PDB file of N, CA and C in Angstrom:
ATOM      1  N   MET A   1     -38.755  54.562 -60.725  1.00  0.00           N
ATOM      2  CA  MET A   1     -38.073  55.168 -59.514  1.00  0.00           C
ATOM      3  C   MET A   1     -36.811  54.422 -59.477  1.00  0.00           C
ATOM      4  N   HIS A   2     -35.554  54.954 -58.874  1.00  0.00           N
ATOM      5  CA  HIS A   2     -34.337  54.299 -58.913  1.00  0.00           C
ATOM      6  C   HIS A   2     -34.134  53.967 -57.087  1.00  0.00           C
ATOM      7  N   SER A   3     -33.434  53.006 -56.686  1.00  0.00           N
ATOM      8  CA  SER A   3     -33.157  53.124 -55.350  1.00  0.00           C
ATOM      9  C   SER A   3     -31.879  52.451 -55.094  1.00  0.00           C
ATOM     10  N   LEU A   4     -31.443  52.690 -53.997  1.00  0.00           N
ATOM     11  CA  LEU A   4     -30.086  51.825 -53.506  1.00  0.00           C
ATOM     12  C   LEU A   4     -31.131  51.164 -52.117  1.00  0.00           C
ATOM     13  N   ALA A   5     -30.633  49.752 -52.533  1.00  0.00           N
ATOM     14  CA  ALA A   5     -30.904  48.875 -51.293  1.00  0.00           C
ATOM     15  C   ALA A   5     -30.608  49.463 -49.746  1.00  0.00           C
ATOM     16  N   PRO A   6     -31.355  49.617 -49.132  1.00  0.00           N
ATOM     17  CA  PRO A   6     -30.713  49.827 -47.575  1.00  0.00           C
ATOM     18  C   PRO A   6     -29.628  49.431 -46.959  1.00  0.00           C
ATOM     19  N   ARG A   7     -28.672  49.930 -46.529  1.00  0.00           N
ATOM     20  CA  ARG A   7     -27.462  49.361 -46.197  1.00  0.00           C
ATOM     21  C   ARG A   7     -27.084  49.804 -44.710  1.00  0.00           C
ATOM     22  N   GLY A   8     -26.352  49.690 -44.170  1.00  0.00           N
ATOM     23  CA  GLY A   8     -25.269  49.889 -42.987  1.00  0.00           C
ATOM     24  C   GLY A   8     -26.369  49.315 -41.854  1.00  0.00           C
ATOM     25  N   PRO A   9     -26.121  50.439 -40.720  1.00  0.00           N
ATOM     26  CA  PRO A   9     -26.749  49.713 -39.220  1.00  0.00           C
ATOM     27  C   PRO A   9     -28.037  49.607 -39.598  1.00  0.00           C
ATOM     28  N   SER A  10     -29.145  50.486 -40.636  1.00  0.00           N
ATOM     29  CA  SER A  10     -30.457  50.536 -40.615  1.00  0.00           C
ATOM     30  C   SER A  10     -30.701  49.664 -41.342  1.00  0.00           C
ATOM     31  N   ALA A  11     -29.936  48.841 -42.097  1.00  0.00           N
ATOM     32  CA  ALA A  11     -30.785  47.520 -42.989  1.00  0.00           C
ATOM     33  C   ALA A  11     -31.491  46.672 -42.627  1.00  0.00           C
ATOM     34  N   GLY A  12     -32.743  46.752 -42.794  1.00  0.00           N
ATOM     35  CA  GLY A  12     -33.413  45.547 -42.288  1.00  0.00           C
ATOM     36  C   GLY A  12     -34.280  46.196 -41.180  1.00  0.00           C
ATOM     37  N   THR A  13     -33.995  47.083 -40.607  1.00  0.00           N
ATOM     38  CA  THR A  13     -34.620  47.733 -39.161  1.00  0.00           C
ATOM     39  C   THR A  13     -34.904  48.819 -39.253  1.00  0.00           C
ATOM     40  N   VAL A  14     -35.567  49.326 -38.313  1.00  0.00           N
ATOM     41  CA  VAL A  14     -35.986  51.035 -38.529  1.00  0.00           C
ATOM     42  C   VAL A  14     -35.490  51.543 -37.870  1.00  0.00           C
ATOM     43  N   THR A  15     -34.180  52.365 -38.006  1.00  0.00           N
ATOM     44  CA  THR A  15     -33.538  52.966 -37.329  1.00  0.00           C
ATOM     45  C   THR A  15     -33.204  54.068 -38.156  1.00  0.00           C
ATOM     46  N   VAL A  16     -33.602  54.521 -39.377  1.00  0.00           N
ATOM     47  CA  VAL A  16     -33.339  55.884 -39.872  1.00  0.00           C
ATOM     48  C   VAL A  16     -34.363  56.514 -39.489  1.00  0.00           C
ATOM     49  N   VAL A  17     -33.684  57.735 -38.872  1.00  0.00           N
ATOM     50  CA  VAL A  17     -33.980  58.775 -38.222  1.00  0.00           C
ATOM     51  C   VAL A  17     -34.131  60.336 -38.876  1.00  0.00           C
ATOM     52  N   PHE A  18     -33.559  60.298 -40.144  1.00  0.00           N
ATOM     53  CA  PHE A  18     -33.503  61.619 -40.472  1.00  0.00           C
ATOM     54  C   PHE A  18     -33.660  61.333 -42.091  1.00  0.00           C
ATOM     55  N   ARG A  19     -34.532  62.171 -42.745  1.00  0.00           N
ATOM     56  CA  ARG A  19     -34.734  62.228 -44.120  1.00  0.00           C
ATOM     57  C   ARG A  19     -34.634  63.521 -44.885  1.00  0.00           C
ATOM     58  N   HIS A  20     -33.965  63.349 -46.102  1.00  0.00           N
ATOM     59  CA  HIS A  20     -33.934  64.561 -47.082  1.00  0.00           C
ATOM     60  C   HIS A  20     -34.622  64.414 -48.259  1.00  0.00           C
ATOM     61  N   VAL A  21     -35.542  65.341 -48.741  1.00  0.00           N
ATOM     62  CA  VAL A  21     -36.362  65.139 -49.795  1.00  0.00           C
ATOM     63  C   VAL A  21     -36.109  66.753 -50.626  1.00  0.00           C
ATOM     64  N   VAL A  22     -35.847  66.248 -51.926  1.00  0.00           N
ATOM     65  CA  VAL A  22     -35.518  67.350 -52.843  1.00  0.00           C
ATOM     66  C   VAL A  22     -36.372  67.329 -53.906  1.00  0.00           C
ATOM     67  N   ILE A  23     -37.170  68.154 -54.628  1.00  0.00           N
ATOM     68  CA  ILE A  23     -37.605  68.105 -55.835  1.00  0.00           C
ATOM     69  C   ILE A  23     -37.416  69.141 -56.493  1.00  0.00           C
ATOM     70  N   PHE A  24     -37.146  69.054 -58.124  1.00  0.00           N
ATOM     71  CA  PHE A  24     -36.798  69.741 -59.192  1.00  0.00           C
ATOM     72  C   PHE A  24     -37.937  69.949 -60.004  1.00  0.00           C
ATOM     73  N   GLN A  25     -37.831  71.166 -60.717  1.00  0.00           N
ATOM     74  CA  GLN A  25     -38.273  71.361 -62.102  1.00  0.00           C
ATOM     75  C   GLN A  25     -37.430  71.537 -63.346  1.00  0.00           C
ATOM     76  N   TRP A  26     -37.287  70.914 -64.157  1.00  0.00           N
ATOM     77  CA  TRP A  26     -36.522  71.020 -65.249  1.00  0.00           C
ATOM     78  C   TRP A  26     -36.734  72.303 -66.250  1.00  0.00           C
ATOM     79  N   THR A  27     -35.532  73.022 -66.420  1.00  0.00           N
ATOM     80  CA  THR A  27     -35.459  73.938 -67.668  1.00  0.00           C
ATOM     81  C   THR A  27     -36.357  73.217 -68.961  1.00  0.00           C
ATOM     82  N   ALA A  28     -36.774  74.551 -69.505  1.00  0.00           N
ATOM     83  CA  ALA A  28     -37.511  73.647 -70.858  1.00  0.00           C
ATOM     84  C   ALA A  28     -36.275  73.385 -71.892  1.00  0.00           C
ATOM     85  N   GLU A  29     -35.083  73.701 -71.553  1.00  0.00           N
ATOM     86  CA  GLU A  29     -33.978  73.064 -72.591  1.00  0.00           C
ATOM     87  C   GLU A  29     -33.477  71.952 -72.117  1.00  0.00           C
ATOM     88  N   ALA A  30     -33.845  71.279 -70.874  1.00  0.00           N
ATOM     89  CA  ALA A  30     -33.193  70.091 -70.443  1.00  0.00           C
ATOM     90  C   ALA A  30     -33.431  68.875 -71.296  1.00  0.00           C
ATOM     91  N   THR A  31     -32.714  68.338 -71.818  1.00  0.00           N
ATOM     92  CA  THR A  31     -32.666  67.225 -72.787  1.00  0.00           C
ATOM     93  C   THR A  31     -33.306  65.880 -72.246  1.00  0.00           C
ATOM     94  N   ASP A  32     -33.712  64.849 -72.688  1.00  0.00           N
ATOM     95  CA  ASP A  32     -34.093  63.607 -72.195  1.00  0.00           C
ATOM     96  C   ASP A  32     -32.500  63.034 -71.715  1.00  0.00           C
ATOM     97  N   ALA A  33     -31.577  63.375 -72.670  1.00  0.00           N
ATOM     98  CA  ALA A  33     -30.176  62.792 -72.317  1.00  0.00           C
ATOM     99  C   ALA A  33     -29.582  63.397 -70.945  1.00  0.00           C
ATOM    100  N   ALA A  34     -29.776  64.638 -71.028  1.00  0.00           N
ATOM    101  CA  ALA A  34     -29.221  65.466 -69.840  1.00  0.00           C
ATOM    102  C   ALA A  34     -29.983  64.884 -68.296  1.00  0.00           C
ATOM    103  N   LYS A  35     -31.218  64.443 -68.429  1.00  0.00           N
ATOM    104  CA  LYS A  35     -32.076  63.967 -67.449  1.00  0.00           C
ATOM    105  C   LYS A  35     -31.649  62.360 -67.070  1.00  0.00           C
ATOM    106  N   ARG A  36     -31.301  61.675 -68.034  1.00  0.00           N
ATOM    107  CA  ARG A  36     -30.782  60.591 -67.601  1.00  0.00           C
ATOM    108  C   ARG A  36     -29.273  60.236 -67.084  1.00  0.00           C
ATOM    109  N   ALA A  37     -28.467  61.547 -67.703  1.00  0.00           N
ATOM    110  CA  ALA A  37     -27.327  61.792 -67.060  1.00  0.00           C
ATOM    111  C   ALA A  37     -27.322  61.957 -65.734  1.00  0.00           C
ATOM    112  N   ALA A  38     -28.463  62.771 -65.220  1.00  0.00           N
ATOM    113  CA  ALA A  38     -28.568  63.481 -63.885  1.00  0.00           C
ATOM    114  C   ALA A  38     -28.829  62.033 -63.049  1.00  0.00           C
ATOM    115  N   ALA A  39     -29.764  61.560 -63.254  1.00  0.00           N
ATOM    116  CA  ALA A  39     -30.393  59.782 -63.136  1.00  0.00           C
ATOM    117  C   ALA A  39     -29.079  58.951 -62.559  1.00  0.00           C
ATOM    118  N   ASP A  40     -28.255  58.755 -63.705  1.00  0.00           N
ATOM    119  CA  ASP A  40     -26.719  58.332 -63.606  1.00  0.00           C
ATOM    120  C   ASP A  40     -25.937  58.688 -62.430  1.00  0.00           C
ATOM    121  N   ALA A  41     -25.648  60.094 -62.440  1.00  0.00           N
ATOM    122  CA  ALA A  41     -24.830  60.588 -61.698  1.00  0.00           C
ATOM    123  C   ALA A  41     -25.774  60.564 -60.313  1.00  0.00           C
ATOM    124  N   LEU A  42     -26.785  60.323 -59.964  1.00  0.00           N
ATOM    125  CA  LEU A  42     -27.447  60.450 -58.613  1.00  0.00           C
ATOM    126  C   LEU A  42     -27.328  58.802 -58.093  1.00  0.00           C
ATOM    127  N   ASN A  43     -27.580  58.120 -59.273  1.00  0.00           N
ATOM    128  CA  ASN A  43     -27.133  56.373 -58.512  1.00  0.00           C
ATOM    129  C   ASN A  43     -25.902  56.521 -58.301  1.00  0.00           C
ATOM    130  N   ALA A  44     -24.830  56.938 -58.869  1.00  0.00           N
ATOM    131  CA  ALA A  44     -23.596  56.820 -58.694  1.00  0.00           C
ATOM    132  C   ALA A  44     -23.132  57.298 -57.479  1.00  0.00           C
ATOM    133  N   LEU A  45     -23.690  58.449 -57.156  1.00  0.00           N
ATOM    134  CA  LEU A  45     -23.350  59.375 -55.853  1.00  0.00           C
ATOM    135  C   LEU A  45     -23.831  58.447 -54.676  1.00  0.00           C
ATOM    136  N   ALA A  46     -24.824  57.629 -54.662  1.00  0.00           N
ATOM    137  CA  ALA A  46     -25.489  57.182 -53.564  1.00  0.00           C
ATOM    138  C   ALA A  46     -24.397  55.771 -53.116  1.00  0.00           C
ATOM    139  N   GLN A  47     -23.543  55.357 -54.106  1.00  0.00           N
ATOM    140  CA  GLN A  47     -22.798  54.409 -53.904  1.00  0.00           C
ATOM    141  C   GLN A  47     -21.179  55.061 -53.048  1.00  0.00           C
ATOM    142  N   GLN A  48     -21.216  56.442 -53.036  1.00  0.00           N
ATOM    143  CA  GLN A  48     -20.095  56.952 -52.721  1.00  0.00           C
ATOM    144  C   GLN A  48     -20.041  57.789 -51.680  1.00  0.00           C
ATOM    145  N   VAL A  49     -21.289  57.813 -50.925  1.00  0.00           N
ATOM    146  CA  VAL A  49     -21.136  58.436 -49.528  1.00  0.00           C
ATOM    147  C   VAL A  49     -21.911  57.340 -48.698  1.00  0.00           C
ATOM    148  N   PRO A  50     -21.201  57.009 -47.848  1.00  0.00           N
ATOM    149  CA  PRO A  50     -21.406  55.723 -47.121  1.00  0.00           C
ATOM    150  C   PRO A  50     -22.282  56.063 -45.743  1.00  0.00           C
ATOM    151  N   SER A  51     -22.876  57.329 -45.616  1.00  0.00           N
ATOM    152  CA  SER A  51     -23.431  57.881 -44.604  1.00  0.00           C
ATOM    153  C   SER A  51     -25.376  57.480 -45.080  1.00  0.00           C
ATOM    154  N   VAL A  52     -25.510  57.538 -46.618  1.00  0.00           N
ATOM    155  CA  VAL A  52     -26.554  57.413 -47.357  1.00  0.00           C
ATOM    156  C   VAL A  52     -27.168  55.784 -46.783  1.00  0.00           C
ATOM    157  N   ARG A  53     -28.378  55.537 -46.083  1.00  0.00           N
ATOM    158  CA  ARG A  53     -29.103  54.258 -45.687  1.00  0.00           C
ATOM    159  C   ARG A  53     -29.684  53.871 -46.959  1.00  0.00           C
ATOM    160  N   ASP A  54     -30.801  54.862 -47.563  1.00  0.00           N
ATOM    161  CA  ASP A  54     -31.556  54.449 -48.342  1.00  0.00           C
ATOM    162  C   ASP A  54     -31.826  55.352 -49.273  1.00  0.00           C
ATOM    163  N   TYR A  55     -31.885  55.439 -50.641  1.00  0.00           N
ATOM    164  CA  TYR A  55     -31.870  56.419 -51.792  1.00  0.00           C
ATOM    165  C   TYR A  55     -32.329  55.994 -52.924  1.00  0.00           C
ATOM    166  N   ARG A  56     -33.427  57.065 -52.825  1.00  0.00           N
ATOM    167  CA  ARG A  56     -34.416  56.823 -54.268  1.00  0.00           C
ATOM    168  C   ARG A  56     -34.855  57.966 -54.860  1.00  0.00           C
ATOM    169  N   PHE A  57     -34.895  57.648 -56.291  1.00  0.00           N
ATOM    170  CA  PHE A  57     -35.156  59.130 -56.909  1.00  0.00           C
ATOM    171  C   PHE A  57     -36.116  58.707 -58.097  1.00  0.00           C
ATOM    172  N   GLY A  58     -36.446  59.697 -58.597  1.00  0.00           N
ATOM    173  CA  GLY A  58     -37.061  59.458 -60.195  1.00  0.00           C
ATOM    174  C   GLY A  58     -38.196  60.364 -60.628  1.00  0.00           C
ATOM    175  N   PRO A  59     -38.419  60.404 -61.886  1.00  0.00           N
ATOM    176  CA  PRO A  59     -39.692  61.170 -62.524  1.00  0.00           C
ATOM    177  C   PRO A  59     -41.008  61.383 -62.017  1.00  0.00           C
ATOM    178  N   ASP A  60     -41.537  61.954 -61.798  1.00  0.00           N
ATOM    179  CA  ASP A  60     -42.954  62.600 -61.493  1.00  0.00           C
ATOM    180  C   ASP A  60     -43.631  61.405 -62.360  1.00  0.00           C
ATOM    181  N   ALA A  61     -44.717  60.969 -61.958  1.00  0.00           N
ATOM    182  CA  ALA A  61     -45.621  60.172 -62.647  1.00  0.00           C
ATOM    183  C   ALA A  61     -46.506  60.323 -63.613  1.00  0.00           C
ATOM    184  N   GLY A  62     -46.615  61.935 -63.683  1.00  0.00           N
ATOM    185  CA  GLY A  62     -47.627  62.519 -64.234  1.00  0.00           C
ATOM    186  C   GLY A  62     -48.888  62.605 -64.076  1.00  0.00           C
ATOM    187  N   LEU A  63     -49.344  62.562 -62.686  1.00  0.00           N
ATOM    188  CA  LEU A  63     -50.860  62.467 -62.588  1.00  0.00           C
ATOM    189  C   LEU A  63     -51.436  63.580 -62.392  1.00  0.00           C
ATOM    190  N   ALA A  64     -50.743  64.618 -62.153  1.00  0.00           N
ATOM    191  CA  ALA A  64     -51.133  66.190 -61.642  1.00  0.00           C
ATOM    192  C   ALA A  64     -50.422  67.033 -62.054  1.00  0.00           C
ATOM    193  N   ASP A  65     -51.100  68.077 -62.861  1.00  0.00           N
ATOM    194  CA  ASP A  65     -50.556  69.270 -63.806  1.00  0.00           C
ATOM    195  C   ASP A  65     -49.411  69.857 -62.984  1.00  0.00           C
ATOM    196  N   ALA A  66     -49.690  70.270 -61.599  1.00  0.00           N
ATOM    197  CA  ALA A  66     -49.116  71.114 -60.463  1.00  0.00           C
ATOM    198  C   ALA A  66     -47.921  70.142 -60.252  1.00  0.00           C
ATOM    199  N   ASN A  67     -47.915  69.325 -60.325  1.00  0.00           N
ATOM    200  CA  ASN A  67     -46.774  68.412 -59.596  1.00  0.00           C
ATOM    201  C   ASN A  67     -45.223  68.963 -60.468  1.00  0.00           C
ATOM    202  N   TRP A  68     -43.878  68.653 -59.614  1.00  0.00           N
ATOM    203  CA  TRP A  68     -42.714  69.019 -60.296  1.00  0.00           C
ATOM    204  C   TRP A  68     -42.330  67.958 -60.914  1.00  0.00           C
ATOM    205  N   ASP A  69     -41.158  67.880 -61.641  1.00  0.00           N
ATOM    206  CA  ASP A  69     -40.648  66.871 -62.731  1.00  0.00           C
ATOM    207  C   ASP A  69     -39.798  65.825 -61.914  1.00  0.00           C
ATOM    208  N   PHE A  70     -39.134  65.898 -60.908  1.00  0.00           N
ATOM    209  CA  PHE A  70     -38.308  64.795 -60.470  1.00  0.00           C
ATOM    210  C   PHE A  70     -38.258  65.170 -58.612  1.00  0.00           C
ATOM    211  N   VAL A  71     -37.858  63.833 -58.020  1.00  0.00           N
ATOM    212  CA  VAL A  71     -37.706  63.977 -56.674  1.00  0.00           C
ATOM    213  C   VAL A  71     -36.570  62.966 -56.445  1.00  0.00           C
ATOM    214  N   VAL A  72     -35.837  63.220 -55.099  1.00  0.00           N
ATOM    215  CA  VAL A  72     -35.039  62.714 -54.706  1.00  0.00           C
ATOM    216  C   VAL A  72     -35.473  62.573 -53.132  1.00  0.00           C
ATOM    217  N   VAL A  73     -35.332  61.187 -52.506  1.00  0.00           N
ATOM    218  CA  VAL A  73     -35.293  61.028 -51.070  1.00  0.00           C
ATOM    219  C   VAL A  73     -34.122  60.122 -50.708  1.00  0.00           C
ATOM    220  N   ALA A  74     -33.687  60.613 -49.571  1.00  0.00           N
ATOM    221  CA  ALA A  74     -32.165  60.084 -48.767  1.00  0.00           C
ATOM    222  C   ALA A  74     -32.612  60.063 -47.329  1.00  0.00           C
ATOM    223  N   ASP A  75     -32.259  59.019 -46.843  1.00  0.00           N
ATOM    224  CA  ASP A  75     -32.646  58.614 -45.794  1.00  0.00           C
ATOM    225  C   ASP A  75     -31.393  58.094 -44.794  1.00  0.00           C
ATOM    226  N   PHE A  76     -30.848  58.875 -43.782  1.00  0.00           N
ATOM    227  CA  PHE A  76     -29.814  58.722 -43.106  1.00  0.00           C
ATOM    228  C   PHE A  76     -30.124  58.312 -41.591  1.00  0.00           C
ATOM    229  N   ASP A  77     -29.021  57.718 -41.003  1.00  0.00           N
ATOM    230  CA  ASP A  77     -29.414  57.397 -39.327  1.00  0.00           C
ATOM    231  C   ASP A  77     -29.331  58.551 -38.526  1.00  0.00           C
ATOM    232  N   ASP A  78     -28.834  59.698 -39.356  1.00  0.00           N
ATOM    233  CA  ASP A  78     -29.105  61.326 -38.136  1.00  0.00           C
ATOM    234  C   ASP A  78     -28.477  62.536 -39.088  1.00  0.00           C
ATOM    235  N   GLU A  79     -28.588  63.480 -38.287  1.00  0.00           N
ATOM    236  CA  GLU A  79     -28.342  64.645 -38.974  1.00  0.00           C
ATOM    237  C   GLU A  79     -26.802  64.985 -39.504  1.00  0.00           C
ATOM    238  N   ALA A  80     -26.207  64.361 -38.698  1.00  0.00           N
ATOM    239  CA  ALA A  80     -24.468  64.257 -39.125  1.00  0.00           C
ATOM    240  C   ALA A  80     -24.321  63.354 -40.243  1.00  0.00           C
ATOM    241  N   GLY A  81     -25.297  62.484 -40.444  1.00  0.00           N
ATOM    242  CA  GLY A  81     -24.959  61.765 -41.880  1.00  0.00           C
ATOM    243  C   GLY A  81     -25.307  62.494 -43.072  1.00  0.00           C
ATOM    244  N   TYR A  82     -26.554  63.288 -42.961  1.00  0.00           N
ATOM    245  CA  TYR A  82     -27.109  64.229 -43.694  1.00  0.00           C
ATOM    246  C   TYR A  82     -25.994  65.096 -44.486  1.00  0.00           C
ATOM    247  N   THR A  83     -25.200  65.721 -43.302  1.00  0.00           N
ATOM    248  CA  THR A  83     -24.703  66.828 -43.375  1.00  0.00           C
ATOM    249  C   THR A  83     -23.304  66.261 -44.326  1.00  0.00           C
ATOM    250  N   THR A  84     -23.071  65.118 -43.785  1.00  0.00           N
ATOM    251  CA  THR A  84     -21.692  64.392 -44.541  1.00  0.00           C
ATOM    252  C   THR A  84     -22.271  64.384 -46.297  1.00  0.00           C
ATOM    253  N   TYR A  85     -23.407  63.690 -46.431  1.00  0.00           N
ATOM    254  CA  TYR A  85     -23.787  63.621 -47.867  1.00  0.00           C
ATOM    255  C   TYR A  85     -23.777  65.110 -48.395  1.00  0.00           C
ATOM    256  N   ARG A  86     -24.415  65.945 -47.714  1.00  0.00           N
ATOM    257  CA  ARG A  86     -24.665  67.471 -48.112  1.00  0.00           C
ATOM    258  C   ARG A  86     -23.323  68.086 -48.550  1.00  0.00           C
ATOM    259  N   ASP A  87     -22.197  67.821 -47.910  1.00  0.00           N
ATOM    260  CA  ASP A  87     -21.189  68.543 -47.957  1.00  0.00           C
ATOM    261  C   ASP A  87     -19.872  67.991 -48.895  1.00  0.00           C
ATOM    262  N   HIS A  88     -20.347  66.469 -49.461  1.00  0.00           N
ATOM    263  CA  HIS A  88     -19.688  65.471 -50.022  1.00  0.00           C
ATOM    264  C   HIS A  88     -18.919  66.133 -51.152  1.00  0.00           C
ATOM    265  N   PRO A  89     -17.593  65.938 -51.540  1.00  0.00           N
ATOM    266  CA  PRO A  89     -17.188  66.836 -52.709  1.00  0.00           C
ATOM    267  C   PRO A  89     -17.887  66.121 -53.973  1.00  0.00           C
ATOM    268  N   ALA A  90     -18.259  65.007 -53.843  1.00  0.00           N
ATOM    269  CA  ALA A  90     -19.096  64.263 -55.329  1.00  0.00           C
ATOM    270  C   ALA A  90     -20.346  64.901 -55.134  1.00  0.00           C
ATOM    271  N   HIS A  91     -20.959  65.114 -54.023  1.00  0.00           N
ATOM    272  CA  HIS A  91     -22.582  65.545 -53.926  1.00  0.00           C
ATOM    273  C   HIS A  91     -22.380  67.244 -54.649  1.00  0.00           C
ATOM    274  N   ARG A  92     -21.224  68.075 -54.263  1.00  0.00           N
ATOM    275  CA  ARG A  92     -21.200  69.489 -54.673  1.00  0.00           C
ATOM    276  C   ARG A  92     -20.996  69.256 -56.028  1.00  0.00           C
ATOM    277  N   ALA A  93     -20.370  68.414 -56.706  1.00  0.00           N
ATOM    278  CA  ALA A  93     -19.807  68.404 -58.045  1.00  0.00           C
ATOM    279  C   ALA A  93     -20.606  68.125 -58.853  1.00  0.00           C
ATOM    280  N   LEU A  94     -21.758  67.130 -58.300  1.00  0.00           N
ATOM    281  CA  LEU A  94     -23.028  66.606 -59.267  1.00  0.00           C
ATOM    282  C   LEU A  94     -24.127  67.874 -59.197  1.00  0.00           C
ATOM    283  N   ILE A  95     -24.105  68.564 -58.205  1.00  0.00           N
ATOM    284  CA  ILE A  95     -24.927  69.926 -58.104  1.00  0.00           C
ATOM    285  C   ILE A  95     -24.594  70.664 -59.305  1.00  0.00           C
ATOM    286  N   ALA A  96     -23.151  70.921 -59.354  1.00  0.00           N
ATOM    287  CA  ALA A  96     -22.762  72.059 -60.192  1.00  0.00           C
ATOM    288  C   ALA A  96     -22.515  71.566 -61.487  1.00  0.00           C
ATOM    289  N   ASP A  97     -22.250  70.574 -61.777  1.00  0.00           N
ATOM    290  CA  ASP A  97     -21.708  70.011 -63.517  1.00  0.00           C
ATOM    291  C   ASP A  97     -23.034  69.337 -63.728  1.00  0.00           C
ATOM    292  N   VAL A  98     -23.864  68.796 -63.115  1.00  0.00           N
ATOM    293  CA  VAL A  98     -25.104  67.712 -63.630  1.00  0.00           C
ATOM    294  C   VAL A  98     -26.109  68.655 -63.496  1.00  0.00           C
ATOM    295  N   LEU A  99     -26.530  69.080 -62.312  1.00  0.00           N
ATOM    296  CA  LEU A  99     -27.932  69.585 -62.087  1.00  0.00           C
ATOM    297  C   LEU A  99     -28.148  71.129 -62.155  1.00  0.00           C
ATOM    298  N   GLN A 100     -27.505  71.756 -61.861  1.00  0.00           N
ATOM    299  CA  GLN A 100     -27.575  72.946 -62.102  1.00  0.00           C
ATOM    300  C   GLN A 100     -27.737  73.637 -63.743  1.00  0.00           C
ATOM    301  N   PRO A 101     -26.911  73.019 -64.420  1.00  0.00           N
ATOM    302  CA  PRO A 101     -27.470  73.281 -65.967  1.00  0.00           C
ATOM    303  C   PRO A 101     -28.857  72.960 -66.508  1.00  0.00           C
ATOM    304  N   ILE A 102     -29.543  72.049 -65.571  1.00  0.00           N
ATOM    305  CA  ILE A 102     -30.889  71.685 -66.128  1.00  0.00           C
ATOM    306  C   ILE A 102     -31.946  71.656 -65.019  1.00  0.00           C
ATOM    307  N   VAL A 103     -31.498  72.548 -64.173  1.00  0.00           N
ATOM    308  CA  VAL A 103     -32.752  72.673 -63.089  1.00  0.00           C
ATOM    309  C   VAL A 103     -33.115  74.134 -63.040  1.00  0.00           C
ATOM    310  N   ALA A 104     -34.533  74.109 -63.354  1.00  0.00           N
ATOM    311  CA  ALA A 104     -35.150  75.761 -63.245  1.00  0.00           C
ATOM    312  C   ALA A 104     -35.188  76.134 -61.831  1.00  0.00           C
ATOM    313  N   GLN A 105     -35.961  75.200 -60.985  1.00  0.00           N
ATOM    314  CA  GLN A 105     -36.196  75.398 -59.993  1.00  0.00           C
ATOM    315  C   GLN A 105     -35.860  73.737 -58.663  1.00  0.00           C
ATOM    316  N   ARG A 106     -35.675  74.116 -57.400  1.00  0.00           N
ATOM    317  CA  ARG A 106     -35.343  73.381 -56.575  1.00  0.00           C
ATOM    318  C   ARG A 106     -36.176  73.704 -55.511  1.00  0.00           C
ATOM    319  N   ALA A 107     -36.778  72.607 -54.631  1.00  0.00           N
ATOM    320  CA  ALA A 107     -37.155  72.934 -53.451  1.00  0.00           C
ATOM    321  C   ALA A 107     -36.500  71.480 -52.052  1.00  0.00           C
ATOM    322  N   GLY A 108     -36.386  71.810 -51.092  1.00  0.00           N
ATOM    323  CA  GLY A 108     -35.978  70.578 -50.382  1.00  0.00           C
ATOM    324  C   GLY A 108     -36.526  70.919 -48.964  1.00  0.00           C
ATOM    325  N   VAL A 109     -36.577  69.480 -48.314  1.00  0.00           N
ATOM    326  CA  VAL A 109     -36.564  69.641 -46.654  1.00  0.00           C
ATOM    327  C   VAL A 109     -36.084  68.483 -46.143  1.00  0.00           C
ATOM    328  N   GLN A 110     -35.673  68.877 -44.723  1.00  0.00           N
ATOM    329  CA  GLN A 110     -35.070  67.499 -44.064  1.00  0.00           C
ATOM    330  C   GLN A 110     -35.916  67.489 -43.173  1.00  0.00           C
ATOM    331  N   TYR A 111     -36.028  66.482 -42.589  1.00  0.00           N
ATOM    332  CA  TYR A 111     -37.231  65.861 -41.264  1.00  0.00           C
ATOM    333  C   TYR A 111     -36.684  64.898 -40.644  1.00  0.00           C
ATOM    334  N   ARG A 112     -37.054  64.982 -39.130  1.00  0.00           N
ATOM    335  CA  ARG A 112     -36.968  63.481 -38.449  1.00  0.00           C
ATOM    336  C   ARG A 112     -37.967  62.814 -38.810  1.00  0.00           C
ATOM    337  N   LEU A 113     -37.620  61.114 -38.582  1.00  0.00           N
ATOM    338  CA  LEU A 113     -38.799  60.321 -38.648  1.00  0.00           C
ATOM    339  C   LEU A 113     -39.176  60.102 -36.998  1.00  0.00           C
ATOM    340  N   ASP A 114     -40.679  60.232 -37.046  1.00  0.00           N
ATOM    341  CA  ASP A 114     -40.935  59.668 -35.963  1.00  0.00           C
ATOM    342  C   ASP A 114     -41.246  58.245 -35.838  1.00  0.00           C
ATOM    343  N   HIS A 115     -41.063  57.513 -35.089  1.00  0.00           N
ATOM    344  CA  HIS A 115     -41.299  55.919 -34.706  1.00  0.00           C
ATOM    345  C   HIS A 115     -41.921  55.717 -33.906  1.00  0.00           C
TER     346      HIS A 115
END
């Protein structure tokens, strides 16, 4: 799993209140190189969007047959931070140029963390 160290106001404290989780199923044609490119692009994306507080992603561990292939978990201070990320031009480009060609299915959820 790859991750970005916590940063911003929430670094070292428990103030993150909004989480985005997305899971992917790769297409049968998705190559290992394309999957690595997706991980590299996600890593770069986290650095480009200041509202991201914590960013983790990686392939499924392969412990259950019904699992999906890949997960992204991103934390933000609030809903506005998430929408900034969601609508960021770099994020939109990553989806269109890197992920859509290799993603067969996507599921996502956003939720508030209760502390």
